Amino acid sequence: MATGPDELSVTDYGPNPQNVDVFWTNTFSLTVNKWLQVTYNFDLIYDDDVRQFGPKKNVAAAQMRSLLAIGLAAKF
């Protein structure tokens, strides 16, 4: 068990450009009028270590998430 900085071990796996992970977020905000606000959020995630697609659940693929929020705003 490491107890200090001189006892830590670092494993260098080297550059591996084919296994790049991507987390890309886009957020769009719109104020419709004095009381109404709309926000749209789109996330694109690609992680080579997460393999949950394909017929045998062993293929890495892009994952997408989309969120639409509509809210009321009030000033006190």
PDB file of N, CA and C in Angstrom:
ATOM      1  N   MET A   1       0.847  -1.178   0.000  1.00  0.00           N
ATOM      2  CA  MET A   1       0.000   0.000   0.000  1.00  0.00           C
ATOM      3  C   MET A   1       0.887   1.233   0.000  1.00  0.00           C
ATOM      4  N   ALA A   2       0.604   2.164  -0.899  1.00  0.00           N
ATOM      5  CA  ALA A   2       1.395   3.388  -1.010  1.00  0.00           C
ATOM      6  C   ALA A   2       1.035   4.349   0.118  1.00  0.00           C
ATOM      7  N   THR A   3       2.077   4.886   0.756  1.00  0.00           N
ATOM      8  CA  THR A   3       1.839   5.840   1.839  1.00  0.00           C
ATOM      9  C   THR A   3       2.444   7.200   1.557  1.00  0.00           C
ATOM     10  N   GLY A   4       3.224   7.329   0.519  1.00  0.00           N
ATOM     11  CA  GLY A   4       3.840   8.608   0.197  1.00  0.00           C
ATOM     12  C   GLY A   4       4.109   8.713  -1.282  1.00  0.00           C
ATOM     13  N   PRO A   5       4.494   9.932  -1.741  1.00  0.00           N
ATOM     14  CA  PRO A   5       4.699  10.102  -3.175  1.00  0.00           C
ATOM     15  C   PRO A   5       5.872   9.298  -3.733  1.00  0.00           C
ATOM     16  N   ASP A   6       6.848   8.957  -2.909  1.00  0.00           N
ATOM     17  CA  ASP A   6       7.979   8.179  -3.405  1.00  0.00           C
ATOM     18  C   ASP A   6       7.646   6.697  -3.539  1.00  0.00           C
ATOM     19  N   GLU A   7       6.509   6.264  -3.038  1.00  0.00           N
ATOM     20  CA  GLU A   7       6.113   4.863  -3.103  1.00  0.00           C
ATOM     21  C   GLU A   7       5.028   4.598  -4.147  1.00  0.00           C
ATOM     22  N   LEU A   8       4.604   5.632  -4.873  1.00  0.00           N
ATOM     23  CA  LEU A   8       3.570   5.443  -5.880  1.00  0.00           C
ATOM     24  C   LEU A   8       4.179   4.858  -7.144  1.00  0.00           C
ATOM     25  N   SER A   9       3.470   3.966  -7.772  1.00  0.00           N
ATOM     26  CA  SER A   9       3.937   3.405  -9.036  1.00  0.00           C
ATOM     27  C   SER A   9       3.003   3.863 -10.147  1.00  0.00           C
ATOM     28  N   VAL A  10       3.581   4.246 -11.259  1.00  0.00           N
ATOM     29  CA  VAL A  10       2.814   4.704 -12.409  1.00  0.00           C
ATOM     30  C   VAL A  10       3.081   3.738 -13.556  1.00  0.00           C
ATOM     31  N   THR A  11       2.021   3.235 -14.134  1.00  0.00           N
ATOM     32  CA  THR A  11       2.145   2.327 -15.267  1.00  0.00           C
ATOM     33  C   THR A  11       1.947   3.118 -16.542  1.00  0.00           C
ATOM     34  N   ASP A  12       2.910   3.053 -17.425  1.00  0.00           N
ATOM     35  CA  ASP A  12       2.822   3.754 -18.698  1.00  0.00           C
ATOM     36  C   ASP A  12       2.366   2.770 -19.762  1.00  0.00           C
ATOM     37  N   TYR A  13       1.165   2.997 -20.277  1.00  0.00           N
ATOM     38  CA  TYR A  13       0.642   2.136 -21.323  1.00  0.00           C
ATOM     39  C   TYR A  13       1.031   2.628 -22.708  1.00  0.00           C
ATOM     40  N   GLY A  14       1.642   3.783 -22.794  1.00  0.00           N
ATOM     41  CA  GLY A  14       2.073   4.326 -24.076  1.00  0.00           C
ATOM     42  C   GLY A  14       0.917   4.912 -24.857  1.00  0.00           C
ATOM     43  N   PRO A  15       1.229   5.616 -25.923  1.00  0.00           N
ATOM     44  CA  PRO A  15       0.157   6.196 -26.731  1.00  0.00           C
ATOM     45  C   PRO A  15      -0.620   5.115 -27.466  1.00  0.00           C
ATOM     46  N   ASN A  16      -1.910   5.239 -27.458  1.00  0.00           N
ATOM     47  CA  ASN A  16      -2.779   4.282 -28.124  1.00  0.00           C
ATOM     48  C   ASN A  16      -3.884   5.071 -28.826  1.00  0.00           C
ATOM     49  N   PRO A  17      -3.591   5.659 -29.983  1.00  0.00           N
ATOM     50  CA  PRO A  17      -4.537   6.587 -30.597  1.00  0.00           C
ATOM     51  C   PRO A  17      -5.850   5.962 -31.050  1.00  0.00           C
ATOM     52  N   GLN A  18      -5.929   4.686 -31.230  1.00  0.00           N
ATOM     53  CA  GLN A  18      -7.184   4.084 -31.655  1.00  0.00           C
ATOM     54  C   GLN A  18      -8.174   3.929 -30.511  1.00  0.00           C
ATOM     55  N   ASN A  19      -7.774   4.189 -29.279  1.00  0.00           N
ATOM     56  CA  ASN A  19      -8.669   4.056 -28.131  1.00  0.00           C
ATOM     57  C   ASN A  19      -8.965   5.399 -27.480  1.00  0.00           C
ATOM     58  N   VAL A  20      -9.216   6.414 -28.270  1.00  0.00           N
ATOM     59  CA  VAL A  20      -9.520   7.736 -27.741  1.00  0.00           C
ATOM     60  C   VAL A  20     -10.961   7.760 -27.247  1.00  0.00           C
ATOM     61  N   ASP A  21     -11.190   8.309 -26.059  1.00  0.00           N
ATOM     62  CA  ASP A  21     -12.531   8.483 -25.520  1.00  0.00           C
ATOM     63  C   ASP A  21     -12.990   9.908 -25.815  1.00  0.00           C
ATOM     64  N   VAL A  22     -14.260  10.046 -26.181  1.00  0.00           N
ATOM     65  CA  VAL A  22     -14.816  11.342 -26.535  1.00  0.00           C
ATOM     66  C   VAL A  22     -16.048  11.602 -25.687  1.00  0.00           C
ATOM     67  N   PHE A  23     -16.116  12.785 -25.091  1.00  0.00           N
ATOM     68  CA  PHE A  23     -17.328  13.248 -24.411  1.00  0.00           C
ATOM     69  C   PHE A  23     -17.566  14.668 -24.891  1.00  0.00           C
ATOM     70  N   TRP A  24     -18.539  14.838 -25.765  1.00  0.00           N
ATOM     71  CA  TRP A  24     -18.787  16.120 -26.406  1.00  0.00           C
ATOM     72  C   TRP A  24     -20.173  16.596 -25.997  1.00  0.00           C
ATOM     73  N   THR A  25     -20.246  17.810 -25.447  1.00  0.00           N
ATOM     74  CA  THR A  25     -21.496  18.373 -24.963  1.00  0.00           C
ATOM     75  C   THR A  25     -21.814  19.660 -25.713  1.00  0.00           C
ATOM     76  N   ASN A  26     -23.040  19.775 -26.160  1.00  0.00           N
ATOM     77  CA  ASN A  26     -23.552  21.002 -26.775  1.00  0.00           C
ATOM     78  C   ASN A  26     -24.746  21.464 -25.958  1.00  0.00           C
ATOM     79  N   THR A  27     -24.760  22.747 -25.603  1.00  0.00           N
ATOM     80  CA  THR A  27     -25.874  23.319 -24.856  1.00  0.00           C
ATOM     81  C   THR A  27     -26.356  24.575 -25.560  1.00  0.00           C
ATOM     82  N   PHE A  28     -27.645  24.623 -25.804  1.00  0.00           N
ATOM     83  CA  PHE A  28     -28.273  25.782 -26.421  1.00  0.00           C
ATOM     84  C   PHE A  28     -29.325  26.314 -25.462  1.00  0.00           C
ATOM     85  N   SER A  29     -29.239  27.597 -25.130  1.00  0.00           N
ATOM     86  CA  SER A  29     -30.201  28.227 -24.229  1.00  0.00           C
ATOM     87  C   SER A  29     -30.917  29.341 -24.973  1.00  0.00           C
ATOM     88  N   LEU A  30     -32.219  29.442 -24.735  1.00  0.00           N
ATOM     89  CA  LEU A  30     -33.034  30.432 -25.417  1.00  0.00           C
ATOM     90  C   LEU A  30     -34.027  31.016 -24.425  1.00  0.00           C
ATOM     91  N   THR A  31     -34.072  32.331 -24.364  1.00  0.00           N
ATOM     92  CA  THR A  31     -35.086  33.009 -23.577  1.00  0.00           C
ATOM     93  C   THR A  31     -36.204  33.402 -24.531  1.00  0.00           C
ATOM     94  N   VAL A  32     -37.367  32.780 -24.368  1.00  0.00           N
ATOM     95  CA  VAL A  32     -38.485  33.004 -25.274  1.00  0.00           C
ATOM     96  C   VAL A  32     -39.147  34.338 -24.978  1.00  0.00           C
ATOM     97  N   ASN A  33     -39.478  34.559 -23.727  1.00  0.00           N
ATOM     98  CA  ASN A  33     -40.036  35.838 -23.308  1.00  0.00           C
ATOM     99  C   ASN A  33     -39.643  36.085 -21.851  1.00  0.00           C
ATOM    100  N   LYS A  34     -40.327  36.965 -21.187  1.00  0.00           N
ATOM    101  CA  LYS A  34     -39.958  37.366 -19.823  1.00  0.00           C
ATOM    102  C   LYS A  34     -40.024  36.200 -18.829  1.00  0.00           C
ATOM    103  N   TRP A  35     -40.900  35.243 -19.064  1.00  0.00           N
ATOM    104  CA  TRP A  35     -41.105  34.154 -18.103  1.00  0.00           C
ATOM    105  C   TRP A  35     -40.686  32.771 -18.592  1.00  0.00           C
ATOM    106  N   LEU A  36     -40.432  32.614 -19.856  1.00  0.00           N
ATOM    107  CA  LEU A  36     -40.206  31.281 -20.408  1.00  0.00           C
ATOM    108  C   LEU A  36     -38.778  31.140 -20.950  1.00  0.00           C
ATOM    109  N   GLN A  37     -38.094  30.076 -20.513  1.00  0.00           N
ATOM    110  CA  GLN A  37     -36.748  29.775 -20.987  1.00  0.00           C
ATOM    111  C   GLN A  37     -36.695  28.324 -21.469  1.00  0.00           C
ATOM    112  N   VAL A  38     -35.940  28.096 -22.542  1.00  0.00           N
ATOM    113  CA  VAL A  38     -35.798  26.757 -23.125  1.00  0.00           C
ATOM    114  C   VAL A  38     -34.310  26.440 -23.211  1.00  0.00           C
ATOM    115  N   THR A  39     -33.955  25.219 -22.819  1.00  0.00           N
ATOM    116  CA  THR A  39     -32.577  24.753 -22.914  1.00  0.00           C
ATOM    117  C   THR A  39     -32.570  23.391 -23.606  1.00  0.00           C
ATOM    118  N   TYR A  40     -31.671  23.246 -24.571  1.00  0.00           N
ATOM    119  CA  TYR A  40     -31.497  21.967 -25.264  1.00  0.00           C
ATOM    120  C   TYR A  40     -30.055  21.518 -25.059  1.00  0.00           C
ATOM    121  N   ASN A  41     -29.880  20.283 -24.631  1.00  0.00           N
ATOM    122  CA  ASN A  41     -28.560  19.733 -24.346  1.00  0.00           C
ATOM    123  C   ASN A  41     -28.389  18.438 -25.140  1.00  0.00           C
ATOM    124  N   PHE A  42     -27.271  18.332 -25.858  1.00  0.00           N
ATOM    125  CA  PHE A  42     -26.980  17.140 -26.648  1.00  0.00           C
ATOM    126  C   PHE A  42     -25.582  16.647 -26.277  1.00  0.00           C
ATOM    127  N   ASP A  43     -25.476  15.403 -25.850  1.00  0.00           N
ATOM    128  CA  ASP A  43     -24.195  14.801 -25.476  1.00  0.00           C
ATOM    129  C   ASP A  43     -23.884  13.655 -26.428  1.00  0.00           C
ATOM    130  N   LEU A  44     -22.638  13.594 -26.848  1.00  0.00           N
ATOM    131  CA  LEU A  44     -22.141  12.494 -27.671  1.00  0.00           C
ATOM    132  C   LEU A  44     -20.978  11.863 -26.916  1.00  0.00           C
ATOM    133  N   ILE A  45     -21.086  10.568 -26.627  1.00  0.00           N
ATOM    134  CA  ILE A  45     -20.089   9.867 -25.824  1.00  0.00           C
ATOM    135  C   ILE A  45     -19.590   8.660 -26.610  1.00  0.00           C
ATOM    136  N   TYR A  46     -18.276   8.520 -26.688  1.00  0.00           N
ATOM    137  CA  TYR A  46     -17.681   7.314 -27.263  1.00  0.00           C
ATOM    138  C   TYR A  46     -16.571   6.864 -26.331  1.00  0.00           C
ATOM    139  N   ASP A  47     -16.705   5.683 -25.790  1.00  0.00           N
ATOM    140  CA  ASP A  47     -15.704   5.099 -24.906  1.00  0.00           C
ATOM    141  C   ASP A  47     -15.423   3.687 -25.403  1.00  0.00           C
ATOM    142  N   ASP A  48     -14.186   3.437 -25.807  1.00  0.00           N
ATOM    143  CA  ASP A  48     -13.824   2.136 -26.355  1.00  0.00           C
ATOM    144  C   ASP A  48     -13.913   1.030 -25.305  1.00  0.00           C
ATOM    145  N   ASP A  49     -13.814   1.385 -24.022  1.00  0.00           N
ATOM    146  CA  ASP A  49     -13.867   0.381 -22.958  1.00  0.00           C
ATOM    147  C   ASP A  49     -15.289  -0.084 -22.660  1.00  0.00           C
ATOM    148  N   VAL A  50     -16.289   0.705 -23.023  1.00  0.00           N
ATOM    149  CA  VAL A  50     -17.682   0.337 -22.784  1.00  0.00           C
ATOM    150  C   VAL A  50     -18.200  -0.353 -24.034  1.00  0.00           C
ATOM    151  N   ARG A  51     -18.443  -1.632 -23.924  1.00  0.00           N
ATOM    152  CA  ARG A  51     -18.903  -2.426 -25.069  1.00  0.00           C
ATOM    153  C   ARG A  51     -20.271  -3.001 -24.729  1.00  0.00           C
ATOM    154  N   GLN A  52     -21.309  -2.319 -25.195  1.00  0.00           N
ATOM    155  CA  GLN A  52     -22.660  -2.752 -24.861  1.00  0.00           C
ATOM    156  C   GLN A  52     -23.574  -2.828 -26.074  1.00  0.00           C
ATOM    157  N   PHE A  53     -23.002  -2.768 -27.274  1.00  0.00           N
ATOM    158  CA  PHE A  53     -23.809  -2.817 -28.479  1.00  0.00           C
ATOM    159  C   PHE A  53     -23.429  -4.043 -29.303  1.00  0.00           C
ATOM    160  N   GLY A  54     -24.223  -4.328 -30.311  1.00  0.00           N
ATOM    161  CA  GLY A  54     -23.970  -5.476 -31.176  1.00  0.00           C
ATOM    162  C   GLY A  54     -24.739  -6.690 -30.703  1.00  0.00           C
ATOM    163  N   PRO A  55     -24.735  -7.754 -31.495  1.00  0.00           N
ATOM    164  CA  PRO A  55     -25.528  -8.938 -31.148  1.00  0.00           C
ATOM    165  C   PRO A  55     -25.045  -9.642 -29.875  1.00  0.00           C
ATOM    166  N   LYS A  56     -23.750  -9.592 -29.591  1.00  0.00           N
ATOM    167  CA  LYS A  56     -23.223 -10.242 -28.390  1.00  0.00           C
ATOM    168  C   LYS A  56     -22.806  -9.234 -27.329  1.00  0.00           C
ATOM    169  N   LYS A  57     -23.226  -7.983 -27.475  1.00  0.00           N
ATOM    170  CA  LYS A  57     -22.895  -6.912 -26.523  1.00  0.00           C
ATOM    171  C   LYS A  57     -21.382  -6.753 -26.367  1.00  0.00           C
ATOM    172  N   ASN A  58     -20.649  -6.835 -27.471  1.00  0.00           N
ATOM    173  CA  ASN A  58     -19.189  -6.738 -27.391  1.00  0.00           C
ATOM    174  C   ASN A  58     -18.618  -5.712 -28.374  1.00  0.00           C
ATOM    175  N   VAL A  59     -19.430  -4.748 -28.787  1.00  0.00           N
ATOM    176  CA  VAL A  59     -18.987  -3.744 -29.753  1.00  0.00           C
ATOM    177  C   VAL A  59     -19.092  -2.361 -29.126  1.00  0.00           C
ATOM    178  N   ALA A  60     -18.039  -1.579 -29.273  1.00  0.00           N
ATOM    179  CA  ALA A  60     -18.087  -0.192 -28.813  1.00  0.00           C
ATOM    180  C   ALA A  60     -18.763   0.654 -29.878  1.00  0.00           C
ATOM    181  N   ALA A  61     -19.602   1.589 -29.455  1.00  0.00           N
ATOM    182  CA  ALA A  61     -20.302   2.462 -30.401  1.00  0.00           C
ATOM    183  C   ALA A  61     -20.587   3.797 -29.736  1.00  0.00           C
ATOM    184  N   ALA A  62     -20.957   4.765 -30.531  1.00  0.00           N
ATOM    185  CA  ALA A  62     -21.283   6.091 -29.996  1.00  0.00           C
ATOM    186  C   ALA A  62     -22.607   6.031 -29.243  1.00  0.00           C
ATOM    187  N   GLN A  63     -22.654   6.769 -28.148  1.00  0.00           N
ATOM    188  CA  GLN A  63     -23.865   6.886 -27.354  1.00  0.00           C
ATOM    189  C   GLN A  63     -24.304   8.346 -27.404  1.00  0.00           C
ATOM    190  N   MET A  64     -25.590   8.569 -27.553  1.00  0.00           N
ATOM    191  CA  MET A  64     -26.111   9.918 -27.642  1.00  0.00           C
ATOM    192  C   MET A  64     -27.164  10.143 -26.576  1.00  0.00           C
ATOM    193  N   ARG A  65     -27.177  11.369 -26.056  1.00  0.00           N
ATOM    194  CA  ARG A  65     -28.194  11.744 -25.070  1.00  0.00           C
ATOM    195  C   ARG A  65     -28.701  13.124 -25.447  1.00  0.00           C
ATOM    196  N   SER A  66     -29.991  13.290 -25.419  1.00  0.00           N
ATOM    197  CA  SER A  66     -30.617  14.550 -25.777  1.00  0.00           C
ATOM    198  C   SER A  66     -31.569  14.952 -24.659  1.00  0.00           C
ATOM    199  N   LEU A  67     -31.542  16.223 -24.288  1.00  0.00           N
ATOM    200  CA  LEU A  67     -32.373  16.712 -23.192  1.00  0.00           C
ATOM    201  C   LEU A  67     -32.983  18.044 -23.587  1.00  0.00           C
ATOM    202  N   LEU A  68     -34.283  18.163 -23.436  1.00  0.00           N
ATOM    203  CA  LEU A  68     -34.986  19.408 -23.685  1.00  0.00           C
ATOM    204  C   LEU A  68     -35.635  19.846 -22.387  1.00  0.00           C
ATOM    205  N   ALA A  69     -35.322  21.051 -21.956  1.00  0.00           N
ATOM    206  CA  ALA A  69     -35.871  21.571 -20.709  1.00  0.00           C
ATOM    207  C   ALA A  69     -36.613  22.869 -20.993  1.00  0.00           C
ATOM    208  N   ILE A  70     -37.797  22.979 -20.435  1.00  0.00           N
ATOM    209  CA  ILE A  70     -38.601  24.198 -20.547  1.00  0.00           C
ATOM    210  C   ILE A  70     -38.908  24.654 -19.129  1.00  0.00           C
ATOM    211  N   GLY A  71     -38.583  25.898 -18.836  1.00  0.00           N
ATOM    212  CA  GLY A  71     -38.758  26.355 -17.466  1.00  0.00           C
ATOM    213  C   GLY A  71     -39.369  27.730 -17.385  1.00  0.00           C
ATOM    214  N   LEU A  72     -39.960  27.979 -16.248  1.00  0.00           N
ATOM    215  CA  LEU A  72     -40.531  29.276 -15.945  1.00  0.00           C
ATOM    216  C   LEU A  72     -39.532  30.056 -15.108  1.00  0.00           C
ATOM    217  N   ALA A  73     -39.370  31.330 -15.417  1.00  0.00           N
ATOM    218  CA  ALA A  73     -38.436  32.187 -14.684  1.00  0.00           C
ATOM    219  C   ALA A  73     -39.214  33.291 -13.985  1.00  0.00           C
ATOM    220  N   ALA A  74     -38.818  33.574 -12.770  1.00  0.00           N
ATOM    221  CA  ALA A  74     -39.469  34.647 -12.015  1.00  0.00           C
ATOM    222  C   ALA A  74     -38.390  35.393 -11.221  1.00  0.00           C
ATOM    223  N   LYS A  75     -38.524  36.690 -11.156  1.00  0.00           N
ATOM    224  CA  LYS A  75     -37.602  37.510 -10.364  1.00  0.00           C
ATOM    225  C   LYS A  75     -38.322  37.982  -9.118  1.00  0.00           C
ATOM    226  N   PHE A  76     -37.648  37.867  -7.982  1.00  0.00           N
ATOM    227  CA  PHE A  76     -38.235  38.299  -6.704  1.00  0.00           C
ATOM    228  C   PHE A  76     -37.506  39.500  -6.182  1.00  0.00           C
TER     229      PHE A  76
END
